[in-house]
Amino acid sequence: INAEYMGATSGDSTFIVFSMGKYHPQPSAKVKQVSAVTLLPKKPKVKRGPNRKDRAIRDIVQEIVGFAPYEKRIIELLRVGREKRALRFAKRRLGTHRAAKKKRDQMSEVLRQQRKK
């Protein structure tokens, strides 16, 4: 428990009453002495993306294995010009709107590369 948060000054100790699962900084019969605690800094929640080696491996696997059936359907919907339907389908399959937009952009990029060849 951070005693500074509970009303004590830093380095000091405070008496805290335990009742109903909450902490009340006041003297009472049922008290427990608590000293100030320093909190560790939180780790950053930034997730690193794939590096060059990971990207190369994924490209090779994609080239050999091909696309999943749902990815083929997204490509087909994009080929016909139903971008909104492709987004809805991707969202249904992947779960989140952000992932669906990313997948739709990837598949449209694949389609663009196929047309270029």
N, C-alpha and C. Protein backbone atom coordinates (compact mmCIF):
# COMPACT_ATOMS: atom_id res chain seq x y z
N ILE A 1 0.86 -1.18 0.00
CA ILE A 1 0.00 0.00 0.00
C ILE A 1 0.89 1.22 0.00
N ASN A 2 0.62 2.17 -0.83
CA ASN A 2 1.40 3.39 -0.88
C ASN A 2 0.89 4.33 0.20
N ALA A 3 1.68 4.52 1.26
CA ALA A 3 1.24 5.31 2.40
C ALA A 3 1.10 6.79 2.04
N GLU A 4 1.93 7.27 1.08
CA GLU A 4 1.82 8.67 0.65
C GLU A 4 0.46 8.93 0.02
N TYR A 5 -0.03 7.95 -0.73
CA TYR A 5 -1.35 8.04 -1.35
C TYR A 5 -2.44 8.06 -0.28
N MET A 6 -2.20 7.35 0.83
CA MET A 6 -3.22 7.24 1.87
C MET A 6 -3.24 8.45 2.80
N GLY A 7 -2.37 9.43 2.60
CA GLY A 7 -2.44 10.64 3.40
C GLY A 7 -1.22 10.88 4.26
N ALA A 8 -0.25 9.99 4.27
CA ALA A 8 0.96 10.19 5.06
C ALA A 8 1.99 10.93 4.24
N THR A 9 2.94 11.54 4.92
CA THR A 9 4.02 12.21 4.21
C THR A 9 5.07 11.17 3.86
N SER A 10 5.95 11.47 2.91
CA SER A 10 6.93 10.49 2.45
C SER A 10 7.92 10.18 3.57
N GLY A 11 8.24 8.91 3.74
CA GLY A 11 9.17 8.49 4.77
C GLY A 11 8.50 8.27 6.12
N ASP A 12 7.31 8.77 6.29
CA ASP A 12 6.55 8.63 7.52
C ASP A 12 5.75 7.34 7.48
N SER A 13 5.15 6.96 8.59
CA SER A 13 4.24 5.83 8.56
C SER A 13 2.86 6.31 9.00
N THR A 14 1.84 5.58 8.64
CA THR A 14 0.49 5.99 8.97
C THR A 14 -0.27 4.78 9.50
N PHE A 15 -1.34 5.03 10.22
CA PHE A 15 -2.19 3.96 10.71
C PHE A 15 -3.40 3.87 9.80
N ILE A 16 -3.69 2.67 9.34
CA ILE A 16 -4.78 2.48 8.39
C ILE A 16 -5.74 1.44 8.95
N VAL A 17 -7.03 1.76 8.90
CA VAL A 17 -8.05 0.84 9.36
C VAL A 17 -8.50 0.00 8.19
N PHE A 18 -8.61 -1.31 8.39
CA PHE A 18 -9.08 -2.22 7.35
C PHE A 18 -10.54 -2.55 7.61
N SER A 19 -11.44 -2.12 6.71
CA SER A 19 -12.85 -2.46 6.88
C SER A 19 -13.51 -2.50 5.51
N MET A 20 -14.34 -3.50 5.27
CA MET A 20 -15.11 -3.63 4.03
C MET A 20 -14.22 -3.63 2.79
N GLY A 21 -12.99 -4.11 2.93
CA GLY A 21 -12.11 -4.19 1.78
C GLY A 21 -11.53 -2.86 1.36
N LYS A 22 -11.70 -1.80 2.16
CA LYS A 22 -11.17 -0.48 1.81
C LYS A 22 -10.23 -0.02 2.93
N TYR A 23 -9.42 0.96 2.62
CA TYR A 23 -8.43 1.47 3.58
C TYR A 23 -8.81 2.90 3.96
N HIS A 24 -8.94 3.16 5.27
CA HIS A 24 -9.31 4.48 5.76
C HIS A 24 -8.18 5.01 6.64
N PRO A 25 -7.54 6.14 6.27
CA PRO A 25 -6.47 6.67 7.11
C PRO A 25 -7.00 7.37 8.34
N GLN A 26 -7.25 6.60 9.42
CA GLN A 26 -7.71 7.17 10.68
C GLN A 26 -7.33 6.21 11.81
N PRO A 27 -7.07 6.74 13.00
CA PRO A 27 -6.72 5.86 14.12
C PRO A 27 -7.95 5.10 14.61
N SER A 28 -7.77 3.84 14.98
CA SER A 28 -8.86 3.02 15.49
C SER A 28 -8.27 1.89 16.31
N ALA A 29 -9.16 1.04 16.85
CA ALA A 29 -8.71 -0.09 17.66
C ALA A 29 -8.00 -1.13 16.80
N LYS A 30 -8.56 -1.44 15.60
CA LYS A 30 -7.97 -2.43 14.71
C LYS A 30 -7.08 -1.72 13.69
N VAL A 31 -5.82 -1.53 14.02
CA VAL A 31 -4.93 -0.78 13.13
C VAL A 31 -3.72 -1.63 12.77
N LYS A 32 -3.12 -1.25 11.66
CA LYS A 32 -1.90 -1.90 11.20
C LYS A 32 -0.97 -0.81 10.72
N GLN A 33 0.28 -0.83 11.18
CA GLN A 33 1.21 0.21 10.79
C GLN A 33 1.80 -0.13 9.42
N VAL A 34 1.77 0.86 8.52
CA VAL A 34 2.23 0.67 7.16
C VAL A 34 3.24 1.75 6.84
N SER A 35 4.35 1.36 6.21
CA SER A 35 5.35 2.35 5.83
C SER A 35 5.19 2.69 4.35
N ALA A 36 5.78 3.81 3.95
CA ALA A 36 5.67 4.27 2.57
C ALA A 36 6.37 3.29 1.64
N VAL A 37 5.73 3.02 0.49
CA VAL A 37 6.26 2.07 -0.49
C VAL A 37 6.54 2.81 -1.78
N THR A 38 7.70 2.58 -2.36
CA THR A 38 8.00 3.18 -3.66
C THR A 38 7.56 2.21 -4.75
N LEU A 39 6.82 2.72 -5.72
CA LEU A 39 6.31 1.90 -6.80
C LEU A 39 7.34 1.78 -7.91
N LEU A 40 7.42 0.61 -8.52
CA LEU A 40 8.32 0.41 -9.64
C LEU A 40 7.73 1.04 -10.89
N PRO A 41 8.56 1.55 -11.80
CA PRO A 41 8.00 2.12 -13.03
C PRO A 41 7.37 1.05 -13.90
N LYS A 42 6.25 1.39 -14.55
CA LYS A 42 5.54 0.42 -15.38
C LYS A 42 6.29 0.19 -16.69
N LYS A 43 6.15 -1.04 -17.22
CA LYS A 43 6.76 -1.34 -18.50
C LYS A 43 5.94 -0.69 -19.61
N PRO A 44 6.57 -0.25 -20.68
CA PRO A 44 5.80 0.34 -21.77
C PRO A 44 4.96 -0.71 -22.47
N LYS A 45 3.77 -0.33 -22.92
CA LYS A 45 2.84 -1.27 -23.55
C LYS A 45 2.96 -1.27 -25.07
N VAL A 46 4.07 -0.74 -25.59
CA VAL A 46 4.26 -0.68 -27.03
C VAL A 46 4.76 -2.03 -27.52
N LYS A 47 4.06 -2.59 -28.47
CA LYS A 47 4.43 -3.88 -29.02
C LYS A 47 5.29 -3.65 -30.25
N ARG A 48 6.43 -4.31 -30.32
CA ARG A 48 7.30 -4.10 -31.48
C ARG A 48 6.77 -4.90 -32.66
N GLY A 49 6.97 -4.36 -33.84
CA GLY A 49 6.52 -5.03 -35.05
C GLY A 49 7.53 -6.07 -35.50
N PRO A 50 7.22 -6.80 -36.57
CA PRO A 50 8.15 -7.81 -37.06
C PRO A 50 9.39 -7.16 -37.67
N ASN A 51 10.54 -7.76 -37.44
CA ASN A 51 11.76 -7.22 -38.03
C ASN A 51 11.95 -7.79 -39.43
N ARG A 52 13.07 -7.48 -40.05
CA ARG A 52 13.31 -7.89 -41.44
C ARG A 52 13.29 -9.40 -41.60
N LYS A 53 13.91 -10.09 -40.64
CA LYS A 53 13.99 -11.55 -40.72
C LYS A 53 12.59 -12.17 -40.63
N ASP A 54 11.77 -11.71 -39.67
CA ASP A 54 10.40 -12.21 -39.52
C ASP A 54 9.59 -11.95 -40.79
N ARG A 55 9.74 -10.74 -41.34
CA ARG A 55 8.99 -10.37 -42.53
C ARG A 55 9.37 -11.26 -43.72
N ALA A 56 10.67 -11.55 -43.85
CA ALA A 56 11.13 -12.40 -44.95
C ALA A 56 10.57 -13.81 -44.81
N ILE A 57 10.57 -14.34 -43.59
CA ILE A 57 10.05 -15.69 -43.34
C ILE A 57 8.56 -15.74 -43.66
N ARG A 58 7.82 -14.73 -43.23
CA ARG A 58 6.38 -14.71 -43.49
C ARG A 58 6.08 -14.62 -44.99
N ASP A 59 6.90 -13.84 -45.71
CA ASP A 59 6.70 -13.73 -47.16
C ASP A 59 6.94 -15.06 -47.85
N ILE A 60 7.98 -15.78 -47.43
CA ILE A 60 8.28 -17.08 -48.03
C ILE A 60 7.15 -18.07 -47.75
N VAL A 61 6.68 -18.10 -46.50
CA VAL A 61 5.58 -19.01 -46.13
C VAL A 61 4.32 -18.65 -46.92
N GLN A 62 4.03 -17.36 -47.06
CA GLN A 62 2.85 -16.91 -47.82
C GLN A 62 2.94 -17.34 -49.28
N GLU A 63 4.16 -17.25 -49.84
CA GLU A 63 4.38 -17.62 -51.23
C GLU A 63 4.17 -19.11 -51.46
N ILE A 64 4.61 -19.93 -50.50
CA ILE A 64 4.53 -21.38 -50.65
C ILE A 64 3.11 -21.88 -50.34
N VAL A 65 2.53 -21.43 -49.23
CA VAL A 65 1.25 -21.95 -48.75
C VAL A 65 0.08 -21.32 -49.48
N GLY A 66 0.18 -20.04 -49.80
CA GLY A 66 -0.93 -19.34 -50.45
C GLY A 66 -1.81 -18.65 -49.42
N PHE A 67 -2.98 -18.24 -49.86
CA PHE A 67 -3.89 -17.49 -48.99
C PHE A 67 -4.89 -18.41 -48.32
N ALA A 68 -5.38 -17.97 -47.17
CA ALA A 68 -6.45 -18.68 -46.48
C ALA A 68 -7.75 -18.47 -47.26
N PRO A 69 -8.72 -19.36 -47.08
CA PRO A 69 -9.99 -19.20 -47.81
C PRO A 69 -10.68 -17.85 -47.58
N TYR A 70 -10.62 -17.34 -46.35
CA TYR A 70 -11.28 -16.06 -46.10
C TYR A 70 -10.53 -14.92 -46.79
N GLU A 71 -9.20 -15.05 -46.91
CA GLU A 71 -8.42 -14.03 -47.62
C GLU A 71 -8.75 -14.06 -49.12
N LYS A 72 -8.95 -15.26 -49.67
CA LYS A 72 -9.33 -15.38 -51.08
C LYS A 72 -10.68 -14.71 -51.31
N ARG A 73 -11.60 -14.88 -50.38
CA ARG A 73 -12.93 -14.26 -50.53
C ARG A 73 -12.84 -12.74 -50.44
N ILE A 74 -11.97 -12.23 -49.55
CA ILE A 74 -11.78 -10.78 -49.45
C ILE A 74 -11.22 -10.25 -50.77
N ILE A 75 -10.25 -10.96 -51.35
CA ILE A 75 -9.68 -10.54 -52.64
C ILE A 75 -10.76 -10.53 -53.72
N GLU A 76 -11.61 -11.56 -53.71
CA GLU A 76 -12.68 -11.64 -54.71
C GLU A 76 -13.67 -10.48 -54.55
N LEU A 77 -14.01 -10.15 -53.30
CA LEU A 77 -14.92 -9.02 -53.06
C LEU A 77 -14.29 -7.70 -53.51
N LEU A 78 -12.99 -7.56 -53.27
CA LEU A 78 -12.31 -6.34 -53.70
C LEU A 78 -12.22 -6.27 -55.23
N ARG A 79 -12.05 -7.43 -55.87
CA ARG A 79 -11.97 -7.49 -57.33
C ARG A 79 -13.28 -7.01 -57.96
N VAL A 80 -14.40 -7.36 -57.31
CA VAL A 80 -15.72 -6.97 -57.81
C VAL A 80 -16.01 -5.50 -57.49
N GLY A 81 -15.32 -4.96 -56.47
CA GLY A 81 -15.53 -3.56 -56.10
C GLY A 81 -16.39 -3.38 -54.87
N ARG A 82 -16.54 -4.43 -54.07
CA ARG A 82 -17.37 -4.35 -52.85
C ARG A 82 -16.45 -4.19 -51.64
N GLU A 83 -15.85 -3.00 -51.50
CA GLU A 83 -14.88 -2.76 -50.43
C GLU A 83 -15.54 -2.78 -49.05
N LYS A 84 -16.73 -2.21 -48.96
CA LYS A 84 -17.41 -2.18 -47.67
C LYS A 84 -17.80 -3.59 -47.22
N ARG A 85 -18.26 -4.40 -48.17
CA ARG A 85 -18.62 -5.79 -47.86
C ARG A 85 -17.37 -6.58 -47.46
N ALA A 86 -16.24 -6.29 -48.12
CA ALA A 86 -14.97 -6.95 -47.78
C ALA A 86 -14.55 -6.59 -46.36
N LEU A 87 -14.74 -5.32 -45.99
CA LEU A 87 -14.41 -4.89 -44.63
C LEU A 87 -15.31 -5.58 -43.60
N ARG A 88 -16.59 -5.66 -43.88
CA ARG A 88 -17.52 -6.32 -42.95
C ARG A 88 -17.19 -7.79 -42.79
N PHE A 89 -16.85 -8.44 -43.93
CA PHE A 89 -16.50 -9.86 -43.90
C PHE A 89 -15.23 -10.08 -43.10
N ALA A 90 -14.23 -9.21 -43.31
CA ALA A 90 -12.97 -9.33 -42.57
C ALA A 90 -13.19 -9.09 -41.09
N LYS A 91 -14.05 -8.15 -40.75
CA LYS A 91 -14.35 -7.87 -39.34
C LYS A 91 -15.01 -9.06 -38.69
N ARG A 92 -15.91 -9.71 -39.40
CA ARG A 92 -16.57 -10.91 -38.88
C ARG A 92 -15.56 -12.01 -38.60
N ARG A 93 -14.59 -12.16 -39.51
CA ARG A 93 -13.60 -13.23 -39.37
C ARG A 93 -12.52 -12.93 -38.34
N LEU A 94 -12.08 -11.67 -38.30
CA LEU A 94 -10.93 -11.32 -37.46
C LEU A 94 -11.32 -10.79 -36.08
N GLY A 95 -12.50 -10.18 -35.97
CA GLY A 95 -12.96 -9.77 -34.65
C GLY A 95 -12.94 -8.29 -34.38
N THR A 96 -11.93 -7.56 -34.87
CA THR A 96 -11.86 -6.12 -34.58
C THR A 96 -11.85 -5.32 -35.87
N HIS A 97 -12.34 -4.10 -35.77
CA HIS A 97 -12.41 -3.21 -36.93
C HIS A 97 -11.01 -2.85 -37.42
N ARG A 98 -10.12 -2.60 -36.48
CA ARG A 98 -8.74 -2.22 -36.83
C ARG A 98 -8.05 -3.34 -37.61
N ALA A 99 -8.19 -4.57 -37.13
CA ALA A 99 -7.56 -5.72 -37.81
C ALA A 99 -8.19 -5.92 -39.19
N ALA A 100 -9.51 -5.69 -39.29
CA ALA A 100 -10.20 -5.86 -40.57
C ALA A 100 -9.72 -4.83 -41.58
N LYS A 101 -9.55 -3.57 -41.15
CA LYS A 101 -9.06 -2.54 -42.07
C LYS A 101 -7.64 -2.87 -42.53
N LYS A 102 -6.83 -3.36 -41.62
CA LYS A 102 -5.45 -3.71 -41.96
C LYS A 102 -5.43 -4.86 -42.97
N LYS A 103 -6.26 -5.87 -42.75
CA LYS A 103 -6.32 -7.03 -43.65
C LYS A 103 -6.85 -6.62 -45.02
N ARG A 104 -7.87 -5.75 -45.04
CA ARG A 104 -8.41 -5.29 -46.32
C ARG A 104 -7.36 -4.53 -47.11
N ASP A 105 -6.57 -3.69 -46.42
CA ASP A 105 -5.50 -2.95 -47.09
C ASP A 105 -4.42 -3.90 -47.61
N GLN A 106 -4.10 -4.93 -46.83
CA GLN A 106 -3.11 -5.92 -47.28
C GLN A 106 -3.61 -6.64 -48.54
N MET A 107 -4.86 -7.05 -48.53
CA MET A 107 -5.40 -7.79 -49.67
C MET A 107 -5.53 -6.89 -50.90
N SER A 108 -5.86 -5.61 -50.70
CA SER A 108 -5.92 -4.70 -51.85
C SER A 108 -4.52 -4.45 -52.41
N GLU A 109 -3.52 -4.45 -51.55
CA GLU A 109 -2.12 -4.32 -52.00
C GLU A 109 -1.71 -5.56 -52.80
N VAL A 110 -2.12 -6.74 -52.34
CA VAL A 110 -1.84 -7.99 -53.07
C VAL A 110 -2.51 -7.95 -54.44
N LEU A 111 -3.75 -7.47 -54.47
CA LEU A 111 -4.48 -7.37 -55.73
C LEU A 111 -3.79 -6.39 -56.68
N ARG A 112 -3.29 -5.28 -56.13
CA ARG A 112 -2.59 -4.28 -56.93
C ARG A 112 -1.31 -4.87 -57.52
N GLN A 113 -0.59 -5.69 -56.73
CA GLN A 113 0.63 -6.33 -57.22
C GLN A 113 0.32 -7.37 -58.28
N GLN A 114 -0.79 -8.08 -58.13
CA GLN A 114 -1.18 -9.07 -59.13
C GLN A 114 -1.52 -8.40 -60.46
N ARG A 115 -2.18 -7.26 -60.40
CA ARG A 115 -2.52 -6.52 -61.63
C ARG A 115 -1.28 -5.95 -62.31
N LYS A 116 -0.26 -5.59 -61.49
CA LYS A 116 0.96 -5.01 -62.02
C LYS A 116 1.75 -6.04 -62.83
N LYS A 117 1.70 -7.31 -62.44
CA LYS A 117 2.48 -8.36 -63.11
C LYS A 117 1.99 -8.69 -64.49
